[in-house]
Each structure stands twice: as structure tokens, then as C-alpha cells.
């Protein structure tokens, strides 16, 4: 199901949660920024179980917390 090489370690249900928040992230930013945060620019996805989120790192050096409830921080 995944086309994200850096997220191959996620289970199917984790990937669904991740993608839900990713879509929210993309809809919250301007079109000029979307390219910086495209799937191809994700360098690492790390589980953060205590905080119930995924830490998502991008090529531009920024990272975000994608929470399992669909919010981002």
C-alpha cells in the first residue's frame, strides 16, 4: 500500500493514520509550500509511541509531529 520508502516499517493501520494527517498538512499550507513537503521529500518517519504521533522529517530540515487523531504539531 505504501509508496513512501521511508515509511515501509509502518503497519497498514499506521500508514492510514499517517496519510490522513499528511493530507491535512497539505490542505493547510499554500501551493508554493506543497512541493517542499511532497511525499518524495520525506527523509524519515519515526514512531513516537508515548506521544501517539509520527515524527516526519523533510529534506528541507523541518519536521512535524503527525498525531494519530489527524492533527499536526
N, C-alpha and C. Protein backbone atom coordinates (compact mmCIF):
# COMPACT_ATOMS: atom_id res chain seq x y z
N UNK A 1 0.81 -1.20 0.00
CA UNK A 1 0.00 0.00 0.00
C UNK A 1 0.86 1.26 0.00
N UNK A 2 2.06 1.18 0.53
CA UNK A 2 2.86 2.39 0.66
C UNK A 2 3.70 2.67 -0.57
N UNK A 3 3.78 3.94 -0.93
CA UNK A 3 4.68 4.40 -1.96
C UNK A 3 5.72 5.31 -1.33
N UNK A 4 5.87 5.17 -0.01
CA UNK A 4 6.78 6.02 0.76
C UNK A 4 7.91 5.14 1.29
N UNK A 5 9.06 5.16 0.63
CA UNK A 5 10.15 4.28 1.06
C UNK A 5 10.54 4.46 2.53
N UNK A 6 10.42 5.66 3.06
CA UNK A 6 10.81 5.91 4.45
C UNK A 6 9.73 5.50 5.44
N UNK A 7 8.61 4.97 4.95
CA UNK A 7 7.53 4.54 5.83
C UNK A 7 7.20 3.06 5.67
N UNK A 8 8.10 2.30 5.10
CA UNK A 8 7.84 0.88 4.88
C UNK A 8 7.67 0.11 6.18
N UNK A 9 8.21 0.63 7.27
CA UNK A 9 8.12 -0.04 8.57
C UNK A 9 6.76 0.14 9.25
N UNK A 10 5.91 1.01 8.73
CA UNK A 10 4.60 1.24 9.33
C UNK A 10 3.63 0.12 8.96
N UNK A 11 2.77 -0.21 9.90
CA UNK A 11 1.72 -1.18 9.60
C UNK A 11 0.68 -0.50 8.70
N UNK A 12 -0.23 -1.28 8.17
CA UNK A 12 -1.26 -0.72 7.30
C UNK A 12 -2.11 0.31 8.05
N UNK A 13 -2.49 0.01 9.29
CA UNK A 13 -3.31 0.97 10.05
C UNK A 13 -2.51 2.22 10.41
N UNK A 14 -1.22 2.07 10.72
CA UNK A 14 -0.38 3.24 10.99
C UNK A 14 -0.25 4.11 9.74
N UNK A 15 -0.08 3.47 8.60
CA UNK A 15 0.05 4.21 7.35
C UNK A 15 -1.22 5.00 7.05
N UNK A 16 -2.37 4.41 7.33
CA UNK A 16 -3.63 5.13 7.12
C UNK A 16 -3.70 6.37 8.01
N UNK A 17 -3.30 6.22 9.29
CA UNK A 17 -3.28 7.38 10.20
C UNK A 17 -2.30 8.43 9.70
N UNK A 18 -1.13 7.98 9.29
CA UNK A 18 -0.11 8.89 8.77
C UNK A 18 -0.63 9.67 7.56
N UNK A 19 -1.21 8.96 6.60
CA UNK A 19 -1.69 9.59 5.38
C UNK A 19 -2.85 10.56 5.65
N UNK A 20 -3.70 10.23 6.61
CA UNK A 20 -4.78 11.13 6.98
C UNK A 20 -4.22 12.48 7.45
N UNK A 21 -3.21 12.42 8.31
CA UNK A 21 -2.61 13.66 8.81
C UNK A 21 -1.81 14.35 7.72
N UNK A 22 -1.14 13.59 6.86
CA UNK A 22 -0.39 14.18 5.75
C UNK A 22 -1.33 14.99 4.86
N UNK A 23 -2.49 14.45 4.57
CA UNK A 23 -3.47 15.17 3.74
C UNK A 23 -3.93 16.46 4.43
N UNK A 24 -4.12 16.39 5.75
CA UNK A 24 -4.48 17.60 6.50
C UNK A 24 -3.37 18.64 6.40
N UNK A 25 -2.13 18.20 6.50
CA UNK A 25 -0.97 19.08 6.40
C UNK A 25 -0.96 19.76 5.04
N UNK A 26 -1.13 18.99 3.98
CA UNK A 26 -1.08 19.56 2.64
C UNK A 26 -2.22 20.55 2.39
N UNK A 27 -3.38 20.29 2.97
CA UNK A 27 -4.50 21.21 2.76
C UNK A 27 -4.35 22.50 3.58
N UNK A 28 -3.48 22.48 4.58
CA UNK A 28 -3.31 23.65 5.45
C UNK A 28 -2.23 24.61 4.96
N UNK A 29 -1.43 24.19 3.98
CA UNK A 29 -0.34 25.05 3.52
C UNK A 29 -0.62 25.55 2.10
N UNK A 30 0.09 26.59 1.72
CA UNK A 30 -0.07 27.15 0.38
C UNK A 30 0.52 26.25 -0.69
N UNK A 31 0.10 26.49 -1.92
CA UNK A 31 0.56 25.65 -3.03
C UNK A 31 2.06 25.76 -3.25
N UNK A 32 2.65 26.92 -2.96
CA UNK A 32 4.09 27.08 -3.13
C UNK A 32 4.86 26.20 -2.15
N UNK A 33 4.31 26.01 -0.95
CA UNK A 33 4.98 25.18 0.05
C UNK A 33 4.78 23.69 -0.19
N UNK A 34 3.73 23.33 -0.88
CA UNK A 34 3.41 21.92 -1.06
C UNK A 34 4.57 21.12 -1.63
N UNK A 35 5.32 21.70 -2.56
CA UNK A 35 6.43 20.96 -3.16
C UNK A 35 7.49 20.59 -2.13
N UNK A 36 7.75 21.50 -1.18
CA UNK A 36 8.75 21.22 -0.13
C UNK A 36 8.36 20.02 0.72
N UNK A 37 7.04 19.81 0.87
CA UNK A 37 6.54 18.77 1.75
C UNK A 37 5.91 17.61 1.00
N UNK A 38 6.27 17.47 -0.27
CA UNK A 38 5.78 16.35 -1.07
C UNK A 38 6.31 15.04 -0.49
N UNK A 39 5.58 13.97 -0.74
CA UNK A 39 5.96 12.64 -0.26
C UNK A 39 7.42 12.34 -0.60
N UNK A 40 7.86 12.70 -1.79
CA UNK A 40 9.23 12.39 -2.22
C UNK A 40 10.28 13.10 -1.37
N UNK A 41 9.88 14.13 -0.63
CA UNK A 41 10.82 14.89 0.19
C UNK A 41 10.83 14.47 1.66
N UNK A 42 10.12 13.40 1.98
CA UNK A 42 10.16 12.87 3.34
C UNK A 42 11.42 12.02 3.48
N UNK A 43 12.25 12.35 4.46
CA UNK A 43 13.50 11.61 4.66
C UNK A 43 13.41 10.56 5.75
N UNK A 44 12.48 10.75 6.70
CA UNK A 44 12.35 9.78 7.79
C UNK A 44 10.97 9.90 8.42
N UNK A 45 10.41 8.76 8.79
CA UNK A 45 9.17 8.71 9.57
C UNK A 45 9.47 7.85 10.79
N UNK A 46 9.31 8.44 11.96
CA UNK A 46 9.66 7.77 13.21
C UNK A 46 8.42 7.69 14.10
N UNK A 47 8.16 6.51 14.66
CA UNK A 47 7.06 6.36 15.62
C UNK A 47 7.45 7.04 16.93
N UNK A 48 6.51 7.74 17.53
CA UNK A 48 6.68 8.30 18.87
C UNK A 48 5.49 7.78 19.67
N UNK A 49 5.64 6.60 20.22
CA UNK A 49 4.52 5.92 20.88
C UNK A 49 4.02 6.68 22.11
N UNK A 50 4.91 7.19 22.99
CA UNK A 50 4.39 7.92 24.17
C UNK A 50 3.51 9.12 23.81
N UNK A 51 3.82 9.80 22.72
CA UNK A 51 3.03 10.97 22.31
C UNK A 51 1.96 10.64 21.28
N UNK A 52 1.87 9.37 20.90
CA UNK A 52 0.88 8.90 19.92
C UNK A 52 0.95 9.70 18.62
N UNK A 53 2.17 9.77 18.08
CA UNK A 53 2.35 10.51 16.83
C UNK A 53 3.48 9.89 16.02
N UNK A 54 3.62 10.40 14.81
CA UNK A 54 4.75 10.07 13.94
C UNK A 54 5.57 11.33 13.79
N UNK A 55 6.86 11.22 13.92
CA UNK A 55 7.74 12.36 13.65
C UNK A 55 8.16 12.24 12.20
N UNK A 56 7.84 13.27 11.42
CA UNK A 56 8.04 13.23 9.97
C UNK A 56 9.08 14.28 9.60
N UNK A 57 10.18 13.83 9.01
CA UNK A 57 11.31 14.69 8.68
C UNK A 57 11.38 14.90 7.17
N UNK A 58 11.67 16.13 6.77
CA UNK A 58 11.71 16.50 5.36
C UNK A 58 13.10 16.96 4.94
N UNK A 59 13.38 16.89 3.64
CA UNK A 59 14.68 17.27 3.08
C UNK A 59 15.09 18.70 3.43
N UNK A 60 14.12 19.58 3.62
CA UNK A 60 14.44 20.98 3.91
C UNK A 60 14.87 21.19 5.37
N UNK A 61 14.94 20.11 6.15
CA UNK A 61 15.38 20.18 7.53
C UNK A 61 14.26 20.34 8.54
N UNK A 62 13.06 20.60 8.08
CA UNK A 62 11.94 20.76 9.00
C UNK A 62 11.33 19.40 9.33
N UNK A 63 10.69 19.34 10.49
CA UNK A 63 9.98 18.12 10.85
C UNK A 63 8.71 18.50 11.61
N UNK A 64 7.75 17.59 11.56
CA UNK A 64 6.45 17.80 12.17
C UNK A 64 6.03 16.55 12.91
N UNK A 65 5.16 16.73 13.89
CA UNK A 65 4.53 15.60 14.56
C UNK A 65 3.16 15.42 13.93
N UNK A 66 2.94 14.23 13.38
CA UNK A 66 1.66 13.87 12.81
C UNK A 66 0.95 12.99 13.84
N UNK A 67 -0.04 13.55 14.52
CA UNK A 67 -0.74 12.82 15.57
C UNK A 67 -1.76 11.85 14.98
N UNK A 68 -2.00 10.78 15.71
CA UNK A 68 -2.89 9.73 15.21
C UNK A 68 -4.34 10.17 15.12
N UNK A 69 -4.69 11.31 15.73
CA UNK A 69 -6.06 11.82 15.63
C UNK A 69 -6.25 12.74 14.42
N UNK A 70 -5.21 12.86 13.58
CA UNK A 70 -5.31 13.65 12.36
C UNK A 70 -4.80 15.07 12.46
N UNK A 71 -4.30 15.46 13.64
CA UNK A 71 -3.77 16.81 13.80
C UNK A 71 -2.26 16.80 13.61
N UNK A 72 -1.71 18.00 13.48
CA UNK A 72 -0.27 18.08 13.29
C UNK A 72 0.30 19.13 14.22
N UNK A 73 1.55 18.91 14.60
CA UNK A 73 2.21 19.84 15.51
C UNK A 73 3.65 20.03 15.14
